[in-house]
Amino acid sequence: MISSKKFKASEIENGTILESKTSSKAITALPGWLQKYKNENQHVGTDVDNSICDSVYKRSSLSPSSSSNTYAHTREMEYVSRFNEMNAENLRTLCDALRSKAQRQKDVIPNIAKTILSCRSGSTPKKLRNGNRKEETWLLFQGLDFEAKEKIGRELAELVFGSQNSFLSISLRDKKRKRDEDSLSYTHRLFEAVSCDPHRVFFVEDIEEADYYCQMGFKRAIERGRVQSENGEEALLRDAIVILCCERVMSRSRRSSPPEDERKMRSSCISLDLNLSLHHDSDDGQYCSDHIDLRDAVDADILFSKSAT
């Protein structure tokens, strides 16, 4: 015989479990209205989280592969760092693999491999502006052999991050109608990609086509270990490998100052150039300086020999 028990309205409103006893067994259940609410909403949190990266790529002009479009939080949990020790075995593995993909550039391969291992192992003498150890690697690939540059980038994605789907190309080549807007979106597109998944190789093409302020933005990202959006949001580079590519060899004195028509935009440099605070900028005395030298800012400046004809 089922025994009944009265419950106060306040107990039901507070989600108190109803209890009925049949013989010696107890059956528990949530109130019907509360159980329905639970069933309808138990997946809401997952759906919201899973929509984050999708919305980022929908807003972005990037077209990454489907495998690259993974959820940031899931990727972070699954990610296993590789080649984070400077030793002979890692160096040999990287060199052999890269040479197999770009034999005609074999002379520059050891420098590329050593630089990556040095940065990822934390043994590089360079530090971030805040004094923290850097993990990310910035490489400048100069020269006409685009095929070799791309092959090396893709092989690094495979070796270091586990898949060539971890290779992402960002280019200005098809975006020359509005240079100011294009240069701004250049760094912003890098921000969008890094914010979704920093554990990748970012292959930034046509860096010589970027204007003064865009190049300054890259320089500040190198110094700070993070890249910033147009709206001031920041994304940590973590152990990303960023390859800046240009066909023409960049002169150390090239564009050492902004053009005359851009000098009036000096104030906008504050927001574009990673929104550094004024008092911080005065500490290093370099903020928005006329001098940009990406060749000295990167971890390695690699000059590729001419491609075979």
C-alpha atoms as a PDB file:
ATOM      1  CA  MET A   1       0.000   0.000   0.000  1.00  0.00           C
ATOM      2  CA  ILE A   2       1.391   3.391  -1.034  1.00  0.00           C
ATOM      3  CA  SER A   3       1.739   5.879   1.774  1.00  0.00           C
ATOM      4  CA  SER A   4       1.156   9.511   0.910  1.00  0.00           C
ATOM      5  CA  LYS A   5       2.920  12.587   2.273  1.00  0.00           C
ATOM      6  CA  LYS A   6       2.045  16.252   1.938  1.00  0.00           C
ATOM      7  CA  PHE A   7       4.669  18.739   0.735  1.00  0.00           C
ATOM      8  CA  LYS A   8       4.732  22.447   1.263  1.00  0.00           C
ATOM      9  CA  ALA A   9       4.576  24.671  -1.830  1.00  0.00           C
ATOM     10  CA  SER A  10       7.885  26.221  -0.815  1.00  0.00           C
ATOM     11  CA  GLU A  11       9.565  22.812  -0.897  1.00  0.00           C
ATOM     12  CA  ILE A  12       8.425  22.207  -4.469  1.00  0.00           C
ATOM     13  CA  GLU A  13       9.437  25.690  -5.588  1.00  0.00           C
ATOM     14  CA  ASN A  14      12.901  25.118  -4.176  1.00  0.00           C
ATOM     15  CA  GLY A  15      13.305  21.897  -6.149  1.00  0.00           C
ATOM     16  CA  THR A  16      12.803  19.560  -3.159  1.00  0.00           C
ATOM     17  CA  ILE A  17      12.747  15.931  -4.249  1.00  0.00           C
ATOM     18  CA  LEU A  18       9.383  14.210  -3.987  1.00  0.00           C
ATOM     19  CA  GLU A  19       9.464  10.839  -2.306  1.00  0.00           C
ATOM     20  CA  SER A  20       7.007   7.930  -2.307  1.00  0.00           C
ATOM     21  CA  LYS A  21       7.594   4.558  -0.748  1.00  0.00           C
ATOM     22  CA  THR A  22       6.447   1.285  -2.228  1.00  0.00           C
ATOM     23  CA  SER A  23       7.181  -1.605   0.115  1.00  0.00           C
ATOM     24  CA  SER A  24      10.865  -1.215   1.043  1.00  0.00           C
ATOM     25  CA  LYS A  25      11.889   0.574  -2.196  1.00  0.00           C
ATOM     26  CA  ALA A  26      12.111   4.347  -2.533  1.00  0.00           C
ATOM     27  CA  ILE A  27      11.389   6.136  -5.814  1.00  0.00           C
ATOM     28  CA  THR A  28      12.638   9.706  -6.251  1.00  0.00           C
ATOM     29  CA  ALA A  29      11.780  12.206  -8.960  1.00  0.00           C
ATOM     30  CA  LEU A  30      11.885  15.917  -9.639  1.00  0.00           C
ATOM     31  CA  PRO A  31       8.564  17.747  -9.971  1.00  0.00           C
ATOM     32  CA  GLY A  32       7.234  17.421 -13.516  1.00  0.00           C
ATOM     33  CA  TRP A  33       7.681  21.091 -14.418  1.00  0.00           C
ATOM     34  CA  LEU A  34      11.258  21.084 -13.094  1.00  0.00           C
ATOM     35  CA  GLN A  35      12.195  17.840 -14.851  1.00  0.00           C
ATOM     36  CA  LYS A  36      10.938  19.290 -18.142  1.00  0.00           C
ATOM     37  CA  TYR A  37      13.002  22.426 -17.618  1.00  0.00           C
ATOM     38  CA  LYS A  38      16.099  20.338 -16.849  1.00  0.00           C
ATOM     39  CA  ASN A  39      15.673  18.214 -19.986  1.00  0.00           C
ATOM     40  CA  GLU A  40      15.221  21.261 -22.207  1.00  0.00           C
ATOM     41  CA  ASN A  41      18.269  23.072 -20.880  1.00  0.00           C
ATOM     42  CA  GLN A  42      20.833  20.388 -20.084  1.00  0.00           C
ATOM     43  CA  HIS A  43      22.631  20.977 -23.411  1.00  0.00           C
ATOM     44  CA  VAL A  44      22.473  24.768 -23.428  1.00  0.00           C
ATOM     45  CA  GLY A  45      25.929  25.249 -21.902  1.00  0.00           C
ATOM     46  CA  THR A  46      27.539  22.943 -24.448  1.00  0.00           C
ATOM     47  CA  ASP A  47      25.756  24.586 -27.374  1.00  0.00           C
ATOM     48  CA  VAL A  48      26.843  28.050 -26.288  1.00  0.00           C
ATOM     49  CA  ASP A  49      30.474  27.002 -25.876  1.00  0.00           C
ATOM     50  CA  ASN A  50      30.500  25.184 -29.200  1.00  0.00           C
ATOM     51  CA  SER A  51      29.221  28.248 -31.058  1.00  0.00           C
ATOM     52  CA  ILE A  52      32.138  30.474 -30.082  1.00  0.00           C
ATOM     53  CA  CYS A  53      34.656  29.515 -32.753  1.00  0.00           C
ATOM     54  CA  ASP A  54      31.971  29.129 -35.405  1.00  0.00           C
ATOM     55  CA  SER A  55      30.925  32.737 -34.856  1.00  0.00           C
ATOM     56  CA  VAL A  56      34.542  33.863 -34.992  1.00  0.00           C
ATOM     57  CA  TYR A  57      35.113  32.270 -38.382  1.00  0.00           C
ATOM     58  CA  LYS A  58      31.763  33.485 -39.740  1.00  0.00           C
ATOM     59  CA  ARG A  59      32.850  37.058 -39.016  1.00  0.00           C
ATOM     60  CA  SER A  60      36.311  36.438 -40.383  1.00  0.00           C
ATOM     61  CA  SER A  61      37.504  36.650 -43.975  1.00  0.00           C
ATOM     62  CA  LEU A  62      39.564  33.527 -43.384  1.00  0.00           C
ATOM     63  CA  SER A  63      38.695  30.230 -45.003  1.00  0.00           C
ATOM     64  CA  PRO A  64      40.327  27.572 -42.817  1.00  0.00           C
ATOM     65  CA  SER A  65      39.843  23.878 -43.438  1.00  0.00           C
ATOM     66  CA  SER A  66      37.093  22.046 -41.587  1.00  0.00           C
ATOM     67  CA  SER A  67      39.640  20.272 -39.405  1.00  0.00           C
ATOM     68  CA  SER A  68      41.097  23.622 -38.316  1.00  0.00           C
ATOM     69  CA  ASN A  69      37.672  24.842 -37.259  1.00  0.00           C
ATOM     70  CA  THR A  70      37.763  23.116 -33.882  1.00  0.00           C
ATOM     71  CA  TYR A  71      36.436  24.519 -30.670  1.00  0.00           C
ATOM     72  CA  ALA A  72      39.013  26.506 -28.752  1.00  0.00           C
ATOM     73  CA  HIS A  73      38.324  25.008 -25.349  1.00  0.00           C
ATOM     74  CA  THR A  74      38.336  21.428 -26.658  1.00  0.00           C
ATOM     75  CA  ARG A  75      41.546  22.007 -28.590  1.00  0.00           C
ATOM     76  CA  GLU A  76      43.233  23.427 -25.497  1.00  0.00           C
ATOM     77  CA  MET A  77      42.285  20.363 -23.447  1.00  0.00           C
ATOM     78  CA  GLU A  78      43.485  17.911 -26.108  1.00  0.00           C
ATOM     79  CA  TYR A  79      46.641  19.769 -27.101  1.00  0.00           C
ATOM     80  CA  VAL A  80      49.968  18.109 -26.321  1.00  0.00           C
ATOM     81  CA  SER A  81      53.082  20.248 -26.725  1.00  0.00           C
ATOM     82  CA  ARG A  82      55.769  18.822 -29.007  1.00  0.00           C
ATOM     83  CA  PHE A  83      59.374  19.753 -29.707  1.00  0.00           C
ATOM     84  CA  ASN A  84      59.633  21.752 -26.500  1.00  0.00           C
ATOM     85  CA  GLU A  85      63.163  20.598 -25.647  1.00  0.00           C
ATOM     86  CA  MET A  86      66.415  21.660 -27.257  1.00  0.00           C
ATOM     87  CA  ASN A  87      68.270  18.422 -27.891  1.00  0.00           C
ATOM     88  CA  ALA A  88      70.083  16.638 -30.709  1.00  0.00           C
ATOM     89  CA  GLU A  89      67.227  14.247 -31.456  1.00  0.00           C
ATOM     90  CA  ASN A  90      64.621  16.985 -31.889  1.00  0.00           C
ATOM     91  CA  LEU A  91      67.012  19.053 -33.975  1.00  0.00           C
ATOM     92  CA  ARG A  92      67.820  16.117 -36.242  1.00  0.00           C
ATOM     93  CA  THR A  93      64.149  15.201 -36.648  1.00  0.00           C
ATOM     94  CA  LEU A  94      63.158  18.717 -37.656  1.00  0.00           C
ATOM     95  CA  CYS A  95      66.092  19.192 -40.014  1.00  0.00           C
ATOM     96  CA  ASP A  96      65.600  15.866 -41.787  1.00  0.00           C
ATOM     97  CA  ALA A  97      61.873  16.427 -42.266  1.00  0.00           C
ATOM     98  CA  LEU A  98      62.220  20.001 -43.513  1.00  0.00           C
ATOM     99  CA  ARG A  99      65.061  19.129 -45.882  1.00  0.00           C
ATOM    100  CA  SER A 100      62.930  16.395 -47.417  1.00  0.00           C
ATOM    101  CA  LYS A 101      60.317  19.017 -48.320  1.00  0.00           C
ATOM    102  CA  ALA A 102      62.626  21.819 -49.481  1.00  0.00           C
ATOM    103  CA  GLN A 103      65.947  20.330 -50.517  1.00  0.00           C
ATOM    104  CA  ARG A 104      67.066  23.379 -52.492  1.00  0.00           C
ATOM    105  CA  GLN A 105      66.835  25.481 -49.308  1.00  0.00           C
ATOM    106  CA  LYS A 106      68.801  23.004 -47.208  1.00  0.00           C
ATOM    107  CA  ASP A 107      71.300  25.650 -46.095  1.00  0.00           C
ATOM    108  CA  VAL A 108      68.700  27.629 -44.111  1.00  0.00           C
ATOM    109  CA  ILE A 109      66.964  24.606 -42.550  1.00  0.00           C
ATOM    110  CA  PRO A 110      69.254  24.284 -39.480  1.00  0.00           C
ATOM    111  CA  ASN A 111      68.665  27.933 -38.545  1.00  0.00           C
ATOM    112  CA  ILE A 112      64.890  27.472 -38.784  1.00  0.00           C
ATOM    113  CA  ALA A 113      64.948  24.300 -36.673  1.00  0.00           C
ATOM    114  CA  LYS A 114      67.263  25.740 -34.010  1.00  0.00           C
ATOM    115  CA  THR A 115      65.163  28.887 -33.685  1.00  0.00           C
ATOM    116  CA  ILE A 116      61.924  26.950 -33.219  1.00  0.00           C
ATOM    117  CA  LEU A 117      63.420  24.645 -30.586  1.00  0.00           C
ATOM    118  CA  SER A 118      65.030  27.568 -28.802  1.00  0.00           C
ATOM    119  CA  CYS A 119      61.747  29.462 -28.543  1.00  0.00           C
ATOM    120  CA  ARG A 120      59.599  26.468 -27.641  1.00  0.00           C
ATOM    121  CA  SER A 121      62.028  25.278 -24.976  1.00  0.00           C
ATOM    122  CA  GLY A 122      62.302  28.723 -23.424  1.00  0.00           C
ATOM    123  CA  SER A 123      66.040  28.893 -23.981  1.00  0.00           C
ATOM    124  CA  THR A 124      65.965  31.905 -26.280  1.00  0.00           C
ATOM    125  CA  PRO A 125      67.641  34.991 -24.798  1.00  0.00           C
ATOM    126  CA  LYS A 126      64.716  37.114 -25.971  1.00  0.00           C
ATOM    127  CA  LYS A 127      62.027  37.946 -23.432  1.00  0.00           C
ATOM    128  CA  LEU A 128      58.622  39.546 -23.736  1.00  0.00           C
ATOM    129  CA  ARG A 129      58.297  43.178 -22.777  1.00  0.00           C
ATOM    130  CA  ASN A 130      56.827  42.203 -19.385  1.00  0.00           C
ATOM    131  CA  GLY A 131      59.839  39.981 -18.697  1.00  0.00           C
ATOM    132  CA  ASN A 132      57.976  36.693 -19.095  1.00  0.00           C
ATOM    133  CA  ARG A 133      59.452  33.796 -21.022  1.00  0.00           C
ATOM    134  CA  LYS A 134      58.300  33.613 -24.621  1.00  0.00           C
ATOM    135  CA  GLU A 135      57.022  30.411 -26.236  1.00  0.00           C
ATOM    136  CA  GLU A 136      55.891  31.631 -29.646  1.00  0.00           C
ATOM    137  CA  THR A 137      58.211  31.752 -32.639  1.00  0.00           C
ATOM    138  CA  TRP A 138      58.362  34.586 -35.177  1.00  0.00           C
ATOM    139  CA  LEU A 139      60.147  33.861 -38.448  1.00  0.00           C
ATOM    140  CA  LEU A 140      60.710  36.198 -41.389  1.00  0.00           C
ATOM    141  CA  PHE A 141      60.993  34.336 -44.704  1.00  0.00           C
ATOM    142  CA  GLN A 142      62.437  36.569 -47.429  1.00  0.00           C
ATOM    143  CA  GLY A 143      62.998  35.711 -51.087  1.00  0.00           C
ATOM    144  CA  LEU A 144      61.196  34.479 -54.190  1.00  0.00           C
ATOM    145  CA  ASP A 145      60.930  30.757 -53.448  1.00  0.00           C
ATOM    146  CA  PHE A 146      57.310  30.797 -52.280  1.00  0.00           C
ATOM    147  CA  GLU A 147      56.855  27.070 -52.854  1.00  0.00           C
ATOM    148  CA  ALA A 148      59.661  26.176 -50.451  1.00  0.00           C
ATOM    149  CA  LYS A 149      58.365  28.608 -47.827  1.00  0.00           C
ATOM    150  CA  GLU A 150      54.895  27.098 -47.912  1.00  0.00           C
ATOM    151  CA  LYS A 151      56.175  23.512 -47.872  1.00  0.00           C
ATOM    152  CA  ILE A 152      58.290  24.277 -44.810  1.00  0.00           C
ATOM    153  CA  GLY A 153      55.324  25.931 -43.102  1.00  0.00           C
ATOM    154  CA  ARG A 154      53.034  22.985 -43.770  1.00  0.00           C
ATOM    155  CA  GLU A 155      55.633  20.481 -42.621  1.00  0.00           C
ATOM    156  CA  LEU A 156      56.115  22.428 -39.390  1.00  0.00           C
ATOM    157  CA  ALA A 157      52.357  22.264 -38.807  1.00  0.00           C
ATOM    158  CA  GLU A 158      52.479  18.495 -39.289  1.00  0.00           C
ATOM    159  CA  LEU A 159      55.523  17.942 -37.086  1.00  0.00           C
ATOM    160  CA  VAL A 160      54.917  20.403 -34.272  1.00  0.00           C
ATOM    161  CA  PHE A 161      51.122  20.552 -34.083  1.00  0.00           C
ATOM    162  CA  GLY A 162      50.206  17.130 -35.428  1.00  0.00           C
ATOM    163  CA  SER A 163      48.450  17.981 -38.694  1.00  0.00           C
ATOM    164  CA  GLN A 164      48.809  20.079 -41.819  1.00  0.00           C
ATOM    165  CA  ASN A 165      45.328  21.324 -40.995  1.00  0.00           C
ATOM    166  CA  SER A 166      47.121  23.371 -38.345  1.00  0.00           C
ATOM    167  CA  PHE A 167      48.588  25.485 -41.156  1.00  0.00           C
ATOM    168  CA  LEU A 168      46.725  28.726 -41.856  1.00  0.00           C
ATOM    169  CA  SER A 169      47.584  31.246 -44.568  1.00  0.00           C
ATOM    170  CA  ILE A 170      46.682  34.940 -44.285  1.00  0.00           C
ATOM    171  CA  SER A 171      47.284  37.122 -47.350  1.00  0.00           C
ATOM    172  CA  LEU A 172      46.809  40.676 -48.590  1.00  0.00           C
ATOM    173  CA  ARG A 173      47.291  39.741 -52.218  1.00  0.00           C
ATOM    174  CA  ASP A 174      43.577  39.818 -53.043  1.00  0.00           C
ATOM    175  CA  LYS A 175      42.798  42.826 -50.863  1.00  0.00           C
ATOM    176  CA  LYS A 176      44.162  46.014 -52.394  1.00  0.00           C
ATOM    177  CA  ARG A 177      41.130  48.179 -53.001  1.00  0.00           C
ATOM    178  CA  LYS A 178      41.189  50.001 -49.662  1.00  0.00           C
ATOM    179  CA  ARG A 179      44.667  49.829 -48.250  1.00  0.00           C
ATOM    180  CA  ASP A 180      43.893  51.406 -44.865  1.00  0.00           C
ATOM    181  CA  GLU A 181      41.012  49.020 -44.176  1.00  0.00           C
ATOM    182  CA  ASP A 182      42.880  46.044 -45.590  1.00  0.00           C
ATOM    183  CA  SER A 183      45.958  46.636 -43.452  1.00  0.00           C
ATOM    184  CA  LEU A 184      43.780  46.991 -40.401  1.00  0.00           C
ATOM    185  CA  SER A 185      41.988  43.720 -41.156  1.00  0.00           C
ATOM    186  CA  TYR A 186      45.367  42.068 -41.760  1.00  0.00           C
ATOM    187  CA  THR A 187      46.266  42.138 -38.069  1.00  0.00           C
ATOM    188  CA  HIS A 188      42.638  41.657 -37.055  1.00  0.00           C
ATOM    189  CA  ARG A 189      42.386  38.443 -39.073  1.00  0.00           C
ATOM    190  CA  LEU A 190      45.463  37.158 -37.299  1.00  0.00           C
ATOM    191  CA  PHE A 191      43.781  38.032 -33.990  1.00  0.00           C
ATOM    192  CA  GLU A 192      40.638  36.089 -34.949  1.00  0.00           C
ATOM    193  CA  ALA A 193      42.630  33.020 -35.932  1.00  0.00           C
ATOM    194  CA  VAL A 194      44.847  33.083 -32.835  1.00  0.00           C
ATOM    195  CA  SER A 195      41.914  33.647 -30.476  1.00  0.00           C
ATOM    196  CA  CYS A 196      40.260  30.471 -31.764  1.00  0.00           C
ATOM    197  CA  ASP A 197      43.371  28.279 -31.724  1.00  0.00           C
ATOM    198  CA  PRO A 198      46.912  29.569 -31.123  1.00  0.00           C
ATOM    199  CA  HIS A 199      48.535  26.143 -31.522  1.00  0.00           C
ATOM    200  CA  ARG A 200      49.119  26.487 -35.245  1.00  0.00           C
ATOM    201  CA  VAL A 201      51.454  27.764 -37.933  1.00  0.00           C
ATOM    202  CA  PHE A 202      50.261  31.160 -39.171  1.00  0.00           C
ATOM    203  CA  PHE A 203      51.656  31.856 -42.627  1.00  0.00           C
ATOM    204  CA  VAL A 204      51.342  35.615 -43.165  1.00  0.00           C
ATOM    205  CA  GLU A 205      51.988  36.466 -46.815  1.00  0.00           C
ATOM    206  CA  ASP A 206      52.856  39.729 -48.568  1.00  0.00           C
ATOM    207  CA  ILE A 207      54.145  41.431 -45.445  1.00  0.00           C
ATOM    208  CA  GLU A 208      55.900  44.002 -47.636  1.00  0.00           C
ATOM    209  CA  GLU A 209      52.449  45.117 -48.857  1.00  0.00           C
ATOM    210  CA  ALA A 210      51.339  46.019 -45.331  1.00  0.00           C
ATOM    211  CA  ASP A 211      51.443  49.705 -44.461  1.00  0.00           C
ATOM    212  CA  TYR A 212      53.485  51.356 -41.739  1.00  0.00           C
ATOM    213  CA  TYR A 213      50.911  50.974 -38.985  1.00  0.00           C
ATOM    214  CA  CYS A 214      50.196  47.343 -39.788  1.00  0.00           C
ATOM    215  CA  GLN A 215      53.891  46.521 -39.614  1.00  0.00           C
ATOM    216  CA  MET A 216      54.087  48.417 -36.341  1.00  0.00           C
ATOM    217  CA  GLY A 217      51.213  46.271 -35.089  1.00  0.00           C
ATOM    218  CA  PHE A 218      53.146  43.114 -35.905  1.00  0.00           C
ATOM    219  CA  LYS A 219      56.214  44.481 -34.161  1.00  0.00           C
ATOM    220  CA  ARG A 220      54.248  45.158 -30.970  1.00  0.00           C
ATOM    221  CA  ALA A 221      52.721  41.680 -31.115  1.00  0.00           C
ATOM    222  CA  ILE A 222      56.247  40.271 -31.265  1.00  0.00           C
ATOM    223  CA  GLU A 223      57.279  42.340 -28.264  1.00  0.00           C
ATOM    224  CA  ARG A 224      54.229  41.502 -26.153  1.00  0.00           C
ATOM    225  CA  GLY A 225      53.424  37.895 -27.074  1.00  0.00           C
ATOM    226  CA  ARG A 226      49.830  38.710 -27.939  1.00  0.00           C
ATOM    227  CA  VAL A 227      47.892  40.173 -30.819  1.00  0.00           C
ATOM    228  CA  GLN A 228      45.026  42.606 -30.511  1.00  0.00           C
ATOM    229  CA  SER A 229      41.789  43.151 -32.391  1.00  0.00           C
ATOM    230  CA  GLU A 230      40.432  46.416 -33.732  1.00  0.00           C
ATOM    231  CA  ASN A 231      38.272  46.631 -30.607  1.00  0.00           C
ATOM    232  CA  GLY A 232      41.091  46.121 -28.126  1.00  0.00           C
ATOM    233  CA  GLU A 233      40.514  42.434 -27.375  1.00  0.00           C
ATOM    234  CA  GLU A 234      43.704  40.435 -26.897  1.00  0.00           C
ATOM    235  CA  ALA A 235      44.700  36.897 -27.835  1.00  0.00           C
ATOM    236  CA  LEU A 236      47.791  35.214 -26.401  1.00  0.00           C
ATOM    237  CA  LEU A 237      50.062  33.665 -29.003  1.00  0.00           C
ATOM    238  CA  ARG A 238      51.158  30.916 -26.583  1.00  0.00           C
ATOM    239  CA  ASP A 239      53.373  28.551 -28.627  1.00  0.00           C
ATOM    240  CA  ALA A 240      52.221  29.662 -32.077  1.00  0.00           C
ATOM    241  CA  ILE A 241      54.644  29.719 -34.988  1.00  0.00           C
ATOM    242  CA  VAL A 242      54.133  32.889 -37.041  1.00  0.00           C
ATOM    243  CA  ILE A 243      55.874  33.074 -40.408  1.00  0.00           C
ATOM    244  CA  LEU A 244      55.996  36.528 -42.017  1.00  0.00           C
ATOM    245  CA  CYS A 245      56.687  36.214 -45.743  1.00  0.00           C
ATOM    246  CA  CYS A 246      57.862  38.692 -48.332  1.00  0.00           C
ATOM    247  CA  GLU A 247      59.245  38.296 -51.839  1.00  0.00           C
ATOM    248  CA  ARG A 248      61.416  41.386 -51.871  1.00  0.00           C
ATOM    249  CA  VAL A 249      64.289  41.539 -49.443  1.00  0.00           C
ATOM    250  CA  MET A 250      63.384  44.126 -46.821  1.00  0.00           C
ATOM    251  CA  SER A 251      65.936  46.862 -46.274  1.00  0.00           C
ATOM    252  CA  ARG A 252      66.699  47.637 -42.666  1.00  0.00           C
ATOM    253  CA  SER A 253      65.999  51.276 -43.398  1.00  0.00           C
ATOM    254  CA  ARG A 254      62.899  50.672 -45.529  1.00  0.00           C
ATOM    255  CA  ARG A 255      59.935  52.783 -44.450  1.00  0.00           C
ATOM    256  CA  SER A 256      61.684  53.908 -41.318  1.00  0.00           C
ATOM    257  CA  SER A 257      59.058  56.627 -40.944  1.00  0.00           C
ATOM    258  CA  PRO A 258      55.367  56.878 -41.866  1.00  0.00           C
ATOM    259  CA  PRO A 259      54.357  58.688 -45.069  1.00  0.00           C
ATOM    260  CA  GLU A 260      53.433  62.354 -44.724  1.00  0.00           C
ATOM    261  CA  ASP A 261      49.729  61.701 -45.246  1.00  0.00           C
ATOM    262  CA  GLU A 262      49.810  59.134 -42.446  1.00  0.00           C
ATOM    263  CA  ARG A 263      51.523  61.317 -39.870  1.00  0.00           C
ATOM    264  CA  LYS A 264      48.188  62.971 -39.154  1.00  0.00           C
ATOM    265  CA  MET A 265      46.881  59.555 -38.148  1.00  0.00           C
ATOM    266  CA  ARG A 266      49.458  59.230 -35.364  1.00  0.00           C
ATOM    267  CA  SER A 267      46.733  59.185 -32.713  1.00  0.00           C
ATOM    268  CA  SER A 268      45.083  56.166 -34.345  1.00  0.00           C
ATOM    269  CA  CYS A 269      48.345  54.298 -33.861  1.00  0.00           C
ATOM    270  CA  ILE A 270      47.451  53.999 -30.186  1.00  0.00           C
ATOM    271  CA  SER A 271      44.423  51.797 -30.880  1.00  0.00           C
ATOM    272  CA  LEU A 272      45.888  49.934 -33.847  1.00  0.00           C
ATOM    273  CA  ASP A 273      49.235  49.377 -32.232  1.00  0.00           C
ATOM    274  CA  LEU A 274      47.785  47.129 -29.562  1.00  0.00           C
ATOM    275  CA  ASN A 275      46.331  49.851 -27.317  1.00  0.00           C
ATOM    276  CA  LEU A 276      49.340  50.214 -25.074  1.00  0.00           C
ATOM    277  CA  SER A 277      48.788  52.681 -22.246  1.00  0.00           C
ATOM    278  CA  LEU A 278      50.510  56.046 -22.480  1.00  0.00           C
ATOM    279  CA  HIS A 279      52.427  55.666 -19.241  1.00  0.00           C
ATOM    280  CA  HIS A 280      53.629  52.230 -20.322  1.00  0.00           C
ATOM    281  CA  ASP A 281      54.709  53.593 -23.663  1.00  0.00           C
ATOM    282  CA  SER A 282      56.829  56.264 -22.052  1.00  0.00           C
ATOM    283  CA  ASP A 283      58.642  53.608 -20.034  1.00  0.00           C
ATOM    284  CA  ASP A 284      60.346  52.040 -23.028  1.00  0.00           C
ATOM    285  CA  GLY A 285      60.446  55.207 -25.096  1.00  0.00           C
ATOM    286  CA  GLN A 286      59.700  53.275 -28.287  1.00  0.00           C
ATOM    287  CA  TYR A 287      55.964  53.415 -28.632  1.00  0.00           C
ATOM    288  CA  CYS A 288      54.852  54.618 -32.060  1.00  0.00           C
ATOM    289  CA  SER A 289      58.424  55.481 -32.920  1.00  0.00           C
ATOM    290  CA  ASP A 290      59.138  56.140 -36.579  1.00  0.00           C
ATOM    291  CA  HIS A 291      61.545  53.225 -36.768  1.00  0.00           C
ATOM    292  CA  ILE A 292      60.282  49.768 -37.669  1.00  0.00           C
ATOM    293  CA  ASP A 293      62.730  46.943 -38.157  1.00  0.00           C
ATOM    294  CA  LEU A 294      60.948  43.622 -38.382  1.00  0.00           C
ATOM    295  CA  ARG A 295      64.224  41.965 -39.331  1.00  0.00           C
ATOM    296  CA  ASP A 296      65.596  42.648 -35.869  1.00  0.00           C
ATOM    297  CA  ALA A 297      62.273  42.074 -34.075  1.00  0.00           C
ATOM    298  CA  VAL A 298      61.674  38.506 -35.279  1.00  0.00           C
ATOM    299  CA  ASP A 299      63.404  35.476 -33.798  1.00  0.00           C
ATOM    300  CA  ALA A 300      65.054  34.573 -37.105  1.00  0.00           C
ATOM    301  CA  ASP A 301      65.439  36.383 -40.415  1.00  0.00           C
ATOM    302  CA  ILE A 302      65.702  33.714 -43.127  1.00  0.00           C
ATOM    303  CA  LEU A 303      66.814  34.612 -46.652  1.00  0.00           C
ATOM    304  CA  PHE A 304      65.747  32.001 -49.208  1.00  0.00           C
ATOM    305  CA  SER A 305      67.871  31.512 -52.293  1.00  0.00           C
ATOM    306  CA  LYS A 306      66.271  31.947 -55.702  1.00  0.00           C
ATOM    307  CA  SER A 307      63.959  29.135 -56.721  1.00  0.00           C
ATOM    308  CA  ALA A 308      65.117  26.795 -59.434  1.00  0.00           C
ATOM    309  CA  THR A 309      63.936  27.769 -62.891  1.00  0.00           C
END
